[in-house]
Amino acid sequence: MEFNVQIDFQLLDTTILPKEITKKIGITPEVEFEKGKRNVKLGLPRVNIWSIRSHASSNEVEDHWRNLEKSLESSKDAIKEVAKTGMAKFTLIVNSSERIPPLMIPPEMSRFAGFVNAVIDIDHYSDNVNQ
């Protein structure tokens, strides 16, 4: 990852299969795993996963939100319906071995998260093992 920040939006553990989610909301995901299909022996993944990720060339959360917002806003009613069958989640991914960049969540992102009843998770990954 060239930049330190990304946003991942996921629909998890839904009763609607990931391929059906794609058809229903009209967004092509980056991850589309059906429960237990990746590794049948180990039952992985443990839940259905449908996910898209931002690809803005920026360390600003707002720029990453703008990158996702166009797709998500146009399908927000369908996303809300799918989310009711499982869980919606935004993950702010921060990859930094030094200073964590400021994480200012734009009001529009908060509004969308509230509308679809999504949690907002912040994951900080560090390649510095001494921290």
N, C-alpha and C. Protein backbone atom coordinates (compact mmCIF):
# COMPACT_ATOMS: atom_id res chain seq x y z
N MET A 1 0.86 -1.17 0.00
CA MET A 1 0.00 0.00 0.00
C MET A 1 0.90 1.23 0.00
N GLU A 2 0.81 2.04 -1.04
CA GLU A 2 1.64 3.23 -1.15
C GLU A 2 1.23 4.31 -0.14
N PHE A 3 -0.06 4.45 0.08
CA PHE A 3 -0.57 5.41 1.04
C PHE A 3 -0.96 4.66 2.31
N ASN A 4 -1.05 5.37 3.42
CA ASN A 4 -1.23 4.74 4.72
C ASN A 4 -2.67 4.47 5.11
N VAL A 5 -3.63 4.99 4.35
CA VAL A 5 -5.03 4.89 4.75
C VAL A 5 -5.87 4.29 3.62
N GLN A 6 -6.81 3.44 3.98
CA GLN A 6 -7.81 2.92 3.05
C GLN A 6 -9.09 2.69 3.85
N ILE A 7 -10.20 2.60 3.13
CA ILE A 7 -11.47 2.24 3.74
C ILE A 7 -11.95 0.97 3.07
N ASP A 8 -12.38 0.02 3.88
CA ASP A 8 -12.97 -1.21 3.39
C ASP A 8 -14.41 -1.24 3.88
N PHE A 9 -15.36 -1.45 2.98
CA PHE A 9 -16.76 -1.57 3.37
C PHE A 9 -17.17 -3.02 3.15
N GLN A 10 -17.75 -3.63 4.20
CA GLN A 10 -18.09 -5.05 4.13
C GLN A 10 -19.53 -5.30 4.53
N LEU A 11 -20.12 -6.27 3.89
CA LEU A 11 -21.37 -6.86 4.33
C LEU A 11 -21.01 -8.27 4.76
N LEU A 12 -21.22 -8.56 6.04
CA LEU A 12 -20.73 -9.80 6.64
C LEU A 12 -21.88 -10.63 7.21
N ASP A 13 -21.69 -11.95 7.13
CA ASP A 13 -22.60 -12.90 7.77
C ASP A 13 -24.06 -12.70 7.35
N THR A 14 -24.25 -12.30 6.11
CA THR A 14 -25.60 -12.07 5.60
C THR A 14 -26.26 -13.39 5.22
N THR A 15 -27.57 -13.42 5.26
CA THR A 15 -28.28 -14.61 4.80
C THR A 15 -28.37 -14.61 3.27
N ILE A 16 -28.10 -13.48 2.67
CA ILE A 16 -28.07 -13.37 1.21
C ILE A 16 -26.64 -13.70 0.76
N LEU A 17 -26.51 -14.61 -0.18
CA LEU A 17 -25.18 -15.01 -0.65
C LEU A 17 -24.47 -13.84 -1.33
N PRO A 18 -23.15 -13.79 -1.23
CA PRO A 18 -22.38 -12.68 -1.80
C PRO A 18 -22.66 -12.43 -3.30
N LYS A 19 -22.78 -13.47 -4.09
CA LYS A 19 -23.07 -13.27 -5.51
C LYS A 19 -24.44 -12.63 -5.72
N GLU A 20 -25.39 -12.96 -4.85
CA GLU A 20 -26.72 -12.35 -4.93
C GLU A 20 -26.68 -10.89 -4.48
N ILE A 21 -25.82 -10.59 -3.51
CA ILE A 21 -25.65 -9.20 -3.06
C ILE A 21 -25.17 -8.35 -4.24
N THR A 22 -24.20 -8.87 -4.97
CA THR A 22 -23.67 -8.15 -6.12
C THR A 22 -24.78 -7.83 -7.12
N LYS A 23 -25.61 -8.82 -7.40
CA LYS A 23 -26.72 -8.60 -8.33
C LYS A 23 -27.72 -7.60 -7.77
N LYS A 24 -28.02 -7.72 -6.50
CA LYS A 24 -29.05 -6.89 -5.86
C LYS A 24 -28.65 -5.43 -5.78
N ILE A 25 -27.38 -5.16 -5.44
CA ILE A 25 -26.97 -3.77 -5.26
C ILE A 25 -26.24 -3.18 -6.46
N GLY A 26 -25.83 -4.03 -7.39
CA GLY A 26 -25.23 -3.53 -8.62
C GLY A 26 -23.82 -2.98 -8.48
N ILE A 27 -23.09 -3.44 -7.50
CA ILE A 27 -21.69 -3.03 -7.29
C ILE A 27 -20.83 -4.28 -7.35
N THR A 28 -19.77 -4.23 -8.14
CA THR A 28 -18.84 -5.36 -8.21
C THR A 28 -17.85 -5.26 -7.05
N PRO A 29 -17.82 -6.28 -6.19
CA PRO A 29 -16.93 -6.23 -5.02
C PRO A 29 -15.51 -6.68 -5.37
N GLU A 30 -14.61 -6.43 -4.45
CA GLU A 30 -13.25 -6.95 -4.56
C GLU A 30 -13.16 -8.32 -3.91
N VAL A 31 -13.99 -8.53 -2.89
CA VAL A 31 -14.02 -9.81 -2.18
C VAL A 31 -15.47 -10.30 -2.18
N GLU A 32 -15.63 -11.54 -2.53
CA GLU A 32 -16.95 -12.15 -2.57
C GLU A 32 -16.78 -13.63 -2.19
N PHE A 33 -16.81 -13.90 -0.88
CA PHE A 33 -16.61 -15.26 -0.39
C PHE A 33 -17.88 -15.79 0.26
N GLU A 34 -18.25 -16.98 -0.13
CA GLU A 34 -19.38 -17.65 0.49
C GLU A 34 -18.87 -18.48 1.68
N LYS A 35 -19.62 -18.47 2.74
CA LYS A 35 -19.26 -19.18 3.96
C LYS A 35 -18.82 -20.61 3.64
N GLY A 36 -17.60 -20.98 4.12
CA GLY A 36 -17.10 -22.33 4.00
C GLY A 36 -16.57 -22.74 2.65
N LYS A 37 -16.63 -21.89 1.65
CA LYS A 37 -16.26 -22.29 0.28
C LYS A 37 -14.78 -22.14 -0.04
N ARG A 38 -14.07 -21.24 0.63
CA ARG A 38 -12.64 -21.04 0.33
C ARG A 38 -11.82 -22.24 0.79
N ASN A 39 -12.14 -22.76 1.97
CA ASN A 39 -11.47 -23.95 2.49
C ASN A 39 -12.55 -24.78 3.18
N VAL A 40 -13.07 -25.75 2.45
CA VAL A 40 -14.19 -26.55 2.94
C VAL A 40 -13.80 -27.32 4.20
N LYS A 41 -12.59 -27.87 4.22
CA LYS A 41 -12.13 -28.68 5.35
C LYS A 41 -12.12 -27.88 6.65
N LEU A 42 -11.67 -26.63 6.57
CA LEU A 42 -11.60 -25.78 7.76
C LEU A 42 -12.84 -24.91 7.94
N GLY A 43 -13.75 -24.95 6.96
CA GLY A 43 -14.96 -24.15 7.04
C GLY A 43 -14.70 -22.65 6.92
N LEU A 44 -13.74 -22.29 6.04
CA LEU A 44 -13.36 -20.88 5.89
C LEU A 44 -13.89 -20.31 4.58
N PRO A 45 -14.28 -19.09 4.56
CA PRO A 45 -14.43 -18.22 5.72
C PRO A 45 -15.60 -18.68 6.58
N ARG A 46 -15.64 -18.21 7.79
CA ARG A 46 -16.67 -18.64 8.75
C ARG A 46 -18.02 -17.96 8.51
N VAL A 47 -18.01 -16.86 7.72
CA VAL A 47 -19.24 -16.14 7.38
C VAL A 47 -19.19 -15.72 5.92
N ASN A 48 -20.35 -15.38 5.34
CA ASN A 48 -20.38 -14.79 4.01
C ASN A 48 -19.71 -13.42 4.07
N ILE A 49 -18.88 -13.12 3.05
CA ILE A 49 -18.17 -11.84 3.01
C ILE A 49 -18.37 -11.20 1.64
N TRP A 50 -18.79 -9.96 1.65
CA TRP A 50 -18.88 -9.14 0.44
C TRP A 50 -18.19 -7.84 0.79
N SER A 51 -17.21 -7.40 -0.01
CA SER A 51 -16.38 -6.26 0.40
C SER A 51 -15.87 -5.45 -0.79
N ILE A 52 -15.85 -4.12 -0.61
CA ILE A 52 -15.18 -3.24 -1.56
C ILE A 52 -14.22 -2.35 -0.78
N ARG A 53 -13.19 -1.86 -1.46
CA ARG A 53 -12.15 -1.07 -0.81
C ARG A 53 -11.88 0.20 -1.61
N SER A 54 -11.53 1.25 -0.91
CA SER A 54 -11.19 2.51 -1.57
C SER A 54 -9.80 2.42 -2.19
N HIS A 55 -9.59 3.24 -3.22
CA HIS A 55 -8.29 3.27 -3.90
C HIS A 55 -7.87 4.70 -4.23
N ALA A 56 -8.10 5.61 -3.30
CA ALA A 56 -7.70 7.00 -3.52
C ALA A 56 -6.20 7.13 -3.26
N SER A 57 -5.57 7.99 -4.01
CA SER A 57 -4.14 8.27 -3.81
C SER A 57 -4.00 9.38 -2.77
N SER A 58 -4.25 9.01 -1.52
CA SER A 58 -4.30 10.00 -0.46
C SER A 58 -4.21 9.33 0.90
N ASN A 59 -3.84 10.11 1.90
CA ASN A 59 -3.88 9.65 3.28
C ASN A 59 -5.04 10.27 4.04
N GLU A 60 -5.95 10.90 3.32
CA GLU A 60 -7.11 11.54 3.93
C GLU A 60 -8.32 10.62 3.86
N VAL A 61 -8.95 10.36 5.00
CA VAL A 61 -10.14 9.51 5.03
C VAL A 61 -11.22 10.08 4.11
N GLU A 62 -11.36 11.39 4.08
CA GLU A 62 -12.38 12.01 3.23
C GLU A 62 -12.19 11.67 1.76
N ASP A 63 -10.96 11.66 1.28
CA ASP A 63 -10.70 11.30 -0.11
C ASP A 63 -11.08 9.85 -0.39
N HIS A 64 -10.81 8.99 0.57
CA HIS A 64 -11.18 7.58 0.41
C HIS A 64 -12.69 7.40 0.45
N TRP A 65 -13.36 8.17 1.32
CA TRP A 65 -14.82 8.11 1.36
C TRP A 65 -15.40 8.56 0.02
N ARG A 66 -14.87 9.66 -0.53
CA ARG A 66 -15.37 10.15 -1.83
C ARG A 66 -15.20 9.08 -2.91
N ASN A 67 -14.13 8.31 -2.82
CA ASN A 67 -13.86 7.24 -3.77
C ASN A 67 -14.94 6.16 -3.71
N LEU A 68 -15.42 5.85 -2.51
CA LEU A 68 -16.45 4.83 -2.32
C LEU A 68 -17.88 5.38 -2.41
N GLU A 69 -18.03 6.63 -2.03
CA GLU A 69 -19.36 7.22 -1.88
C GLU A 69 -20.21 7.11 -3.14
N LYS A 70 -19.62 7.36 -4.29
CA LYS A 70 -20.38 7.33 -5.55
C LYS A 70 -21.11 6.00 -5.72
N SER A 71 -20.42 4.92 -5.49
CA SER A 71 -21.02 3.59 -5.64
C SER A 71 -22.02 3.31 -4.54
N LEU A 72 -21.61 3.54 -3.30
CA LEU A 72 -22.45 3.18 -2.17
C LEU A 72 -23.74 3.99 -2.10
N GLU A 73 -23.65 5.29 -2.32
CA GLU A 73 -24.83 6.15 -2.22
C GLU A 73 -25.91 5.75 -3.22
N SER A 74 -25.50 5.37 -4.41
CA SER A 74 -26.50 5.02 -5.44
C SER A 74 -27.24 3.73 -5.11
N SER A 75 -26.71 2.94 -4.20
CA SER A 75 -27.32 1.66 -3.83
C SER A 75 -27.67 1.58 -2.36
N LYS A 76 -27.77 2.73 -1.68
CA LYS A 76 -27.89 2.71 -0.22
C LYS A 76 -29.14 2.00 0.29
N ASP A 77 -30.26 2.10 -0.41
CA ASP A 77 -31.47 1.42 0.06
C ASP A 77 -31.31 -0.10 -0.02
N ALA A 78 -30.73 -0.59 -1.12
CA ALA A 78 -30.50 -2.03 -1.27
C ALA A 78 -29.46 -2.52 -0.26
N ILE A 79 -28.43 -1.71 -0.03
CA ILE A 79 -27.40 -2.08 0.96
C ILE A 79 -28.03 -2.18 2.35
N LYS A 80 -28.89 -1.24 2.68
CA LYS A 80 -29.55 -1.26 3.98
C LYS A 80 -30.37 -2.54 4.16
N GLU A 81 -31.07 -2.95 3.12
CA GLU A 81 -31.88 -4.17 3.19
C GLU A 81 -31.00 -5.41 3.37
N VAL A 82 -29.90 -5.48 2.63
CA VAL A 82 -28.98 -6.61 2.77
C VAL A 82 -28.37 -6.62 4.16
N ALA A 83 -27.96 -5.44 4.65
CA ALA A 83 -27.31 -5.34 5.96
C ALA A 83 -28.21 -5.84 7.08
N LYS A 84 -29.52 -5.71 6.91
CA LYS A 84 -30.46 -6.19 7.94
C LYS A 84 -30.35 -7.70 8.14
N THR A 85 -29.83 -8.42 7.16
CA THR A 85 -29.73 -9.88 7.27
C THR A 85 -28.39 -10.32 7.86
N GLY A 86 -27.52 -9.37 8.16
CA GLY A 86 -26.20 -9.68 8.71
C GLY A 86 -25.62 -8.46 9.39
N MET A 87 -24.46 -8.02 8.91
CA MET A 87 -23.77 -6.88 9.52
C MET A 87 -23.09 -6.05 8.43
N ALA A 88 -23.19 -4.72 8.54
CA ALA A 88 -22.44 -3.81 7.68
C ALA A 88 -21.30 -3.23 8.51
N LYS A 89 -20.15 -3.06 7.86
CA LYS A 89 -18.98 -2.61 8.60
C LYS A 89 -18.06 -1.78 7.71
N PHE A 90 -17.63 -0.63 8.22
CA PHE A 90 -16.55 0.13 7.61
C PHE A 90 -15.31 -0.15 8.41
N THR A 91 -14.22 -0.46 7.74
CA THR A 91 -12.94 -0.59 8.43
C THR A 91 -12.01 0.46 7.86
N LEU A 92 -11.54 1.36 8.74
CA LEU A 92 -10.50 2.31 8.35
C LEU A 92 -9.18 1.57 8.57
N ILE A 93 -8.46 1.34 7.51
CA ILE A 93 -7.20 0.61 7.58
C ILE A 93 -6.07 1.62 7.60
N VAL A 94 -5.27 1.57 8.66
CA VAL A 94 -4.13 2.48 8.80
C VAL A 94 -2.88 1.62 8.85
N ASN A 95 -1.99 1.82 7.90
CA ASN A 95 -0.77 1.04 7.81
C ASN A 95 0.41 1.99 7.99
N SER A 96 0.99 1.99 9.18
CA SER A 96 2.05 2.95 9.46
C SER A 96 2.97 2.43 10.54
N SER A 97 4.27 2.53 10.30
CA SER A 97 5.23 2.14 11.33
C SER A 97 5.67 3.35 12.13
N GLU A 98 5.22 4.51 11.72
CA GLU A 98 5.59 5.72 12.42
C GLU A 98 4.32 6.36 12.99
N ARG A 99 4.17 7.62 12.77
CA ARG A 99 3.04 8.38 13.30
C ARG A 99 1.74 7.96 12.61
N ILE A 100 0.68 7.78 13.38
CA ILE A 100 -0.63 7.48 12.82
C ILE A 100 -1.20 8.77 12.26
N PRO A 101 -1.62 8.78 10.99
CA PRO A 101 -2.18 10.01 10.44
C PRO A 101 -3.51 10.35 11.12
N PRO A 102 -3.91 11.63 11.09
CA PRO A 102 -5.20 11.98 11.68
C PRO A 102 -6.34 11.26 10.95
N LEU A 103 -7.30 10.79 11.70
CA LEU A 103 -8.43 10.06 11.12
C LEU A 103 -9.70 10.85 11.39
N MET A 104 -10.04 11.70 10.45
CA MET A 104 -11.25 12.52 10.57
C MET A 104 -12.31 11.91 9.66
N ILE A 105 -13.35 11.38 10.28
CA ILE A 105 -14.43 10.73 9.53
C ILE A 105 -15.40 11.81 9.05
N PRO A 106 -15.59 11.91 7.73
CA PRO A 106 -16.48 12.94 7.21
C PRO A 106 -17.93 12.71 7.63
N PRO A 107 -18.68 13.78 7.85
CA PRO A 107 -20.09 13.65 8.26
C PRO A 107 -20.91 12.79 7.30
N GLU A 108 -20.63 12.88 6.00
CA GLU A 108 -21.39 12.10 5.02
C GLU A 108 -21.17 10.60 5.22
N MET A 109 -19.94 10.22 5.58
CA MET A 109 -19.63 8.82 5.84
C MET A 109 -20.36 8.35 7.10
N SER A 110 -20.36 9.20 8.13
CA SER A 110 -21.08 8.87 9.37
C SER A 110 -22.57 8.72 9.10
N ARG A 111 -23.11 9.63 8.29
CA ARG A 111 -24.54 9.56 7.94
C ARG A 111 -24.86 8.25 7.22
N PHE A 112 -24.02 7.91 6.25
CA PHE A 112 -24.24 6.66 5.50
C PHE A 112 -24.15 5.47 6.44
N ALA A 113 -23.14 5.46 7.31
CA ALA A 113 -22.97 4.35 8.27
C ALA A 113 -24.21 4.23 9.15
N GLY A 114 -24.73 5.35 9.60
CA GLY A 114 -25.95 5.32 10.41
C GLY A 114 -27.15 4.81 9.62
N PHE A 115 -27.26 5.24 8.36
CA PHE A 115 -28.39 4.83 7.53
C PHE A 115 -28.43 3.32 7.33
N VAL A 116 -27.26 2.70 7.07
CA VAL A 116 -27.23 1.25 6.84
C VAL A 116 -26.92 0.47 8.12
N ASN A 117 -26.83 1.19 9.25
CA ASN A 117 -26.54 0.59 10.55
C ASN A 117 -25.18 -0.12 10.57
N ALA A 118 -24.17 0.56 10.01
CA ALA A 118 -22.82 -0.01 9.94
C ALA A 118 -21.98 0.43 11.13
N VAL A 119 -21.16 -0.47 11.61
CA VAL A 119 -20.16 -0.10 12.61
C VAL A 119 -18.96 0.48 11.88
N ILE A 120 -18.17 1.28 12.58
CA ILE A 120 -16.94 1.81 12.03
C ILE A 120 -15.81 1.30 12.91
N ASP A 121 -14.92 0.54 12.29
CA ASP A 121 -13.80 -0.10 12.98
C ASP A 121 -12.52 0.56 12.49
N ILE A 122 -11.56 0.77 13.37
CA ILE A 122 -10.27 1.32 12.96
C ILE A 122 -9.21 0.27 13.26
N ASP A 123 -8.55 -0.19 12.20
CA ASP A 123 -7.48 -1.18 12.35
C ASP A 123 -6.15 -0.52 12.02
N HIS A 124 -5.23 -0.57 12.97
CA HIS A 124 -3.90 -0.02 12.76
C HIS A 124 -2.91 -1.16 12.61
N TYR A 125 -2.26 -1.18 11.46
CA TYR A 125 -1.24 -2.19 11.19
C TYR A 125 0.12 -1.51 11.22
N SER A 126 1.05 -2.14 11.90
CA SER A 126 2.39 -1.58 11.98
C SER A 126 3.40 -2.64 11.56
N ASP A 127 4.36 -2.24 10.73
CA ASP A 127 5.41 -3.19 10.35
C ASP A 127 6.59 -3.08 11.30
N ASN A 128 6.46 -2.25 12.33
CA ASN A 128 7.51 -2.09 13.33
C ASN A 128 7.16 -3.01 14.51
N VAL A 129 7.86 -4.11 14.64
CA VAL A 129 7.55 -5.11 15.68
C VAL A 129 7.93 -4.65 17.08
N ASN A 130 8.67 -3.56 17.19
CA ASN A 130 9.07 -3.07 18.52
C ASN A 130 8.03 -2.17 19.16
N GLN A 131 6.94 -1.89 18.47
CA GLN A 131 5.91 -1.03 19.04
C GLN A 131 4.96 -1.82 19.88
